[in-house]
Amino acid sequence: MEKTMDPEMIRKIDSVLGRVKEPESNLPVGELGIIQKFRYNEHKRALYIFANTYGSKKACCFLITKLIESDVMNHVKSELKKEFPELTIRFV
């Protein structure tokens, strides 16, 4: 049986998505659709992040795109660890 997240957990996640900015556009990650959804596993004490990665087929842009993406995802993970120090944060 899957439980829903409590309102405080949702508030903290929304706060992280609002304050982490994508450096090229300076828009919050929550507005860009980079994060698709979150899943919380209470038994494993884990928060799973389902990300929608950037897609660039051009070789010249691929490396830069991946570097920016990696930086943004690391920042999201870092901010989530501040909000939820007792949880394991994992990207799926």
N, C-alpha and C. Protein backbone atom coordinates (compact mmCIF):
# COMPACT_ATOMS: atom_id res chain seq x y z
N MET A 1 0.84 -1.18 0.00
CA MET A 1 0.00 0.00 0.00
C MET A 1 0.88 1.24 0.00
N GLU A 2 0.65 2.11 -0.93
CA GLU A 2 1.47 3.31 -1.07
C GLU A 2 0.83 4.46 -0.29
N LYS A 3 1.65 5.11 0.54
CA LYS A 3 1.19 6.25 1.31
C LYS A 3 1.53 7.53 0.56
N THR A 4 0.75 8.55 0.78
CA THR A 4 1.08 9.85 0.20
C THR A 4 2.02 10.58 1.15
N MET A 5 2.77 11.51 0.60
CA MET A 5 3.69 12.30 1.41
C MET A 5 2.88 13.24 2.30
N ASP A 6 3.42 13.51 3.48
CA ASP A 6 2.72 14.45 4.34
C ASP A 6 2.92 15.87 3.82
N PRO A 7 2.03 16.79 4.18
CA PRO A 7 2.09 18.15 3.66
C PRO A 7 3.41 18.87 3.94
N GLU A 8 4.03 18.60 5.08
CA GLU A 8 5.30 19.25 5.40
C GLU A 8 6.41 18.79 4.46
N MET A 9 6.42 17.51 4.11
CA MET A 9 7.41 17.00 3.17
C MET A 9 7.20 17.65 1.79
N ILE A 10 5.96 17.75 1.38
CA ILE A 10 5.65 18.38 0.09
C ILE A 10 6.08 19.84 0.10
N ARG A 11 5.83 20.53 1.20
CA ARG A 11 6.22 21.94 1.31
C ARG A 11 7.73 22.11 1.17
N LYS A 12 8.49 21.23 1.83
CA LYS A 12 9.95 21.30 1.76
C LYS A 12 10.46 21.01 0.35
N ILE A 13 9.88 20.02 -0.31
CA ILE A 13 10.28 19.71 -1.68
C ILE A 13 9.98 20.89 -2.60
N ASP A 14 8.79 21.47 -2.46
CA ASP A 14 8.43 22.63 -3.28
C ASP A 14 9.38 23.80 -3.03
N SER A 15 9.80 23.96 -1.79
CA SER A 15 10.74 25.02 -1.45
C SER A 15 12.08 24.81 -2.16
N VAL A 16 12.57 23.58 -2.17
CA VAL A 16 13.82 23.27 -2.87
C VAL A 16 13.67 23.55 -4.36
N LEU A 17 12.58 23.09 -4.95
CA LEU A 17 12.36 23.29 -6.39
C LEU A 17 12.22 24.77 -6.75
N GLY A 18 11.81 25.57 -5.79
CA GLY A 18 11.70 27.01 -6.03
C GLY A 18 13.00 27.76 -5.88
N ARG A 19 13.89 27.27 -5.04
CA ARG A 19 15.13 28.03 -4.79
C ARG A 19 16.33 27.57 -5.61
N VAL A 20 16.30 26.34 -6.14
CA VAL A 20 17.41 25.88 -6.99
C VAL A 20 17.15 26.40 -8.40
N LYS A 21 18.10 27.15 -8.92
CA LYS A 21 17.95 27.78 -10.25
C LYS A 21 18.83 27.10 -11.28
N GLU A 22 18.31 27.02 -12.49
CA GLU A 22 19.09 26.55 -13.63
C GLU A 22 19.93 27.75 -14.07
N PRO A 23 21.26 27.60 -14.16
CA PRO A 23 22.13 28.76 -14.35
C PRO A 23 21.98 29.49 -15.69
N GLU A 24 21.58 28.82 -16.74
CA GLU A 24 21.47 29.48 -18.04
C GLU A 24 20.25 30.39 -18.12
N SER A 25 19.14 29.94 -17.58
CA SER A 25 17.90 30.71 -17.66
C SER A 25 17.61 31.47 -16.36
N ASN A 26 18.25 31.05 -15.28
CA ASN A 26 18.02 31.58 -13.94
C ASN A 26 16.58 31.35 -13.47
N LEU A 27 15.95 30.34 -14.04
CA LEU A 27 14.59 29.97 -13.63
C LEU A 27 14.67 28.85 -12.60
N PRO A 28 13.69 28.81 -11.68
CA PRO A 28 13.66 27.71 -10.71
C PRO A 28 13.47 26.37 -11.40
N VAL A 29 14.12 25.36 -10.87
CA VAL A 29 14.03 24.01 -11.42
C VAL A 29 12.57 23.55 -11.48
N GLY A 30 11.78 23.95 -10.51
CA GLY A 30 10.37 23.55 -10.48
C GLY A 30 9.56 24.06 -11.66
N GLU A 31 10.00 25.13 -12.30
CA GLU A 31 9.29 25.69 -13.45
C GLU A 31 9.75 25.10 -14.77
N LEU A 32 10.85 24.39 -14.77
CA LEU A 32 11.45 23.93 -16.03
C LEU A 32 11.07 22.50 -16.41
N GLY A 33 10.45 21.78 -15.53
CA GLY A 33 10.07 20.40 -15.85
C GLY A 33 11.24 19.44 -15.83
N ILE A 34 12.34 19.83 -15.20
CA ILE A 34 13.51 18.96 -15.11
C ILE A 34 13.23 17.77 -14.19
N ILE A 35 12.48 18.03 -13.13
CA ILE A 35 12.10 16.98 -12.19
C ILE A 35 10.68 16.54 -12.53
N GLN A 36 10.52 15.24 -12.82
CA GLN A 36 9.20 14.72 -13.19
C GLN A 36 8.36 14.42 -11.96
N LYS A 37 8.95 13.70 -11.00
CA LYS A 37 8.20 13.34 -9.80
C LYS A 37 9.15 12.87 -8.71
N PHE A 38 8.59 12.76 -7.52
CA PHE A 38 9.31 12.24 -6.36
C PHE A 38 8.54 11.03 -5.82
N ARG A 39 9.27 10.10 -5.26
CA ARG A 39 8.67 8.97 -4.56
C ARG A 39 9.38 8.84 -3.22
N TYR A 40 8.60 8.62 -2.19
CA TYR A 40 9.16 8.44 -0.85
C TYR A 40 8.90 7.02 -0.41
N ASN A 41 9.96 6.34 0.02
CA ASN A 41 9.84 4.98 0.55
C ASN A 41 10.14 5.07 2.04
N GLU A 42 9.09 5.02 2.83
CA GLU A 42 9.23 5.18 4.28
C GLU A 42 10.06 4.05 4.88
N HIS A 43 9.86 2.83 4.42
CA HIS A 43 10.58 1.67 4.95
C HIS A 43 12.09 1.81 4.72
N LYS A 44 12.49 2.25 3.54
CA LYS A 44 13.92 2.40 3.21
C LYS A 44 14.47 3.76 3.60
N ARG A 45 13.59 4.66 4.04
CA ARG A 45 14.00 6.04 4.39
C ARG A 45 14.70 6.69 3.21
N ALA A 46 14.06 6.59 2.04
CA ALA A 46 14.67 7.08 0.80
C ALA A 46 13.67 7.95 0.04
N LEU A 47 14.22 8.99 -0.57
CA LEU A 47 13.45 9.87 -1.45
C LEU A 47 14.03 9.69 -2.85
N TYR A 48 13.19 9.25 -3.78
CA TYR A 48 13.63 8.99 -5.15
C TYR A 48 13.19 10.15 -6.03
N ILE A 49 14.11 10.61 -6.86
CA ILE A 49 13.85 11.73 -7.77
C ILE A 49 13.87 11.20 -9.19
N PHE A 50 12.79 11.41 -9.89
CA PHE A 50 12.70 11.02 -11.30
C PHE A 50 12.92 12.28 -12.12
N ALA A 51 14.04 12.33 -12.82
CA ALA A 51 14.42 13.53 -13.57
C ALA A 51 14.19 13.35 -15.06
N ASN A 52 13.84 14.45 -15.70
CA ASN A 52 13.67 14.50 -17.14
C ASN A 52 14.91 15.21 -17.68
N THR A 53 15.87 14.45 -18.15
CA THR A 53 17.14 15.04 -18.57
C THR A 53 16.98 15.81 -19.87
N TYR A 54 17.86 16.79 -20.02
CA TYR A 54 17.88 17.57 -21.25
C TYR A 54 18.24 16.65 -22.40
N GLY A 55 17.72 16.93 -23.54
CA GLY A 55 18.09 16.14 -24.72
C GLY A 55 18.70 17.02 -25.79
N SER A 56 19.94 16.77 -26.11
CA SER A 56 20.60 17.49 -27.19
C SER A 56 21.34 16.48 -28.04
N LYS A 57 21.03 16.47 -29.30
CA LYS A 57 21.68 15.53 -30.19
C LYS A 57 22.93 16.12 -30.83
N LYS A 58 23.13 17.40 -30.69
CA LYS A 58 24.30 18.04 -31.28
C LYS A 58 25.52 17.78 -30.40
N ALA A 59 26.57 17.28 -31.01
CA ALA A 59 27.78 16.93 -30.27
C ALA A 59 28.38 18.14 -29.57
N CYS A 60 28.32 19.29 -30.20
CA CYS A 60 28.92 20.49 -29.61
C CYS A 60 28.22 20.92 -28.32
N CYS A 61 26.94 20.64 -28.24
CA CYS A 61 26.15 21.07 -27.08
C CYS A 61 26.04 20.00 -26.00
N PHE A 62 26.27 18.77 -26.37
CA PHE A 62 26.02 17.65 -25.46
C PHE A 62 26.82 17.78 -24.17
N LEU A 63 28.11 18.02 -24.28
CA LEU A 63 28.97 18.09 -23.09
C LEU A 63 28.56 19.24 -22.18
N ILE A 64 28.34 20.40 -22.75
CA ILE A 64 27.95 21.56 -21.95
C ILE A 64 26.61 21.30 -21.27
N THR A 65 25.68 20.74 -22.02
CA THR A 65 24.36 20.43 -21.47
C THR A 65 24.47 19.46 -20.31
N LYS A 66 25.26 18.43 -20.46
CA LYS A 66 25.42 17.43 -19.39
C LYS A 66 26.11 18.03 -18.17
N LEU A 67 27.06 18.93 -18.37
CA LEU A 67 27.72 19.59 -17.24
C LEU A 67 26.74 20.45 -16.45
N ILE A 68 25.92 21.20 -17.17
CA ILE A 68 24.92 22.04 -16.52
C ILE A 68 23.91 21.16 -15.79
N GLU A 69 23.46 20.12 -16.47
CA GLU A 69 22.50 19.19 -15.87
C GLU A 69 23.05 18.57 -14.59
N SER A 70 24.29 18.13 -14.64
CA SER A 70 24.93 17.52 -13.47
C SER A 70 25.01 18.51 -12.32
N ASP A 71 25.38 19.74 -12.62
CA ASP A 71 25.48 20.77 -11.59
C ASP A 71 24.11 21.04 -10.95
N VAL A 72 23.08 21.15 -11.77
CA VAL A 72 21.74 21.41 -11.25
C VAL A 72 21.27 20.24 -10.38
N MET A 73 21.47 19.02 -10.84
CA MET A 73 21.03 17.85 -10.07
C MET A 73 21.80 17.73 -8.76
N ASN A 74 23.09 18.04 -8.77
CA ASN A 74 23.87 18.02 -7.52
C ASN A 74 23.35 19.07 -6.55
N HIS A 75 22.98 20.23 -7.08
CA HIS A 75 22.45 21.29 -6.23
C HIS A 75 21.09 20.87 -5.64
N VAL A 76 20.23 20.26 -6.46
CA VAL A 76 18.94 19.76 -5.96
C VAL A 76 19.17 18.75 -4.84
N LYS A 77 20.07 17.81 -5.08
CA LYS A 77 20.36 16.77 -4.08
C LYS A 77 20.89 17.39 -2.79
N SER A 78 21.80 18.35 -2.91
CA SER A 78 22.37 19.02 -1.75
C SER A 78 21.29 19.74 -0.93
N GLU A 79 20.41 20.44 -1.61
CA GLU A 79 19.34 21.16 -0.92
C GLU A 79 18.34 20.20 -0.28
N LEU A 80 18.05 19.09 -0.95
CA LEU A 80 17.16 18.10 -0.35
C LEU A 80 17.79 17.46 0.88
N LYS A 81 19.11 17.23 0.86
CA LYS A 81 19.80 16.68 2.03
C LYS A 81 19.72 17.65 3.21
N LYS A 82 19.72 18.95 2.94
CA LYS A 82 19.57 19.93 4.02
C LYS A 82 18.18 19.83 4.65
N GLU A 83 17.18 19.65 3.80
CA GLU A 83 15.80 19.57 4.28
C GLU A 83 15.48 18.22 4.92
N PHE A 84 16.10 17.15 4.40
CA PHE A 84 15.82 15.79 4.85
C PHE A 84 17.12 15.05 5.18
N PRO A 85 17.84 15.46 6.22
CA PRO A 85 19.14 14.83 6.51
C PRO A 85 19.03 13.35 6.88
N GLU A 86 17.85 12.92 7.30
CA GLU A 86 17.67 11.54 7.72
C GLU A 86 17.36 10.60 6.55
N LEU A 87 17.17 11.14 5.36
CA LEU A 87 16.79 10.33 4.20
C LEU A 87 17.96 10.12 3.24
N THR A 88 17.90 9.03 2.51
CA THR A 88 18.79 8.80 1.38
C THR A 88 18.12 9.43 0.17
N ILE A 89 18.86 10.25 -0.57
CA ILE A 89 18.33 10.91 -1.77
C ILE A 89 18.92 10.22 -2.98
N ARG A 90 18.04 9.73 -3.87
CA ARG A 90 18.52 9.00 -5.05
C ARG A 90 17.83 9.48 -6.31
N PHE A 91 18.63 9.64 -7.37
CA PHE A 91 18.06 9.92 -8.69
C PHE A 91 17.78 8.62 -9.40
N VAL A 92 16.65 8.55 -10.07
CA VAL A 92 16.24 7.34 -10.80
C VAL A 92 16.21 7.66 -12.28
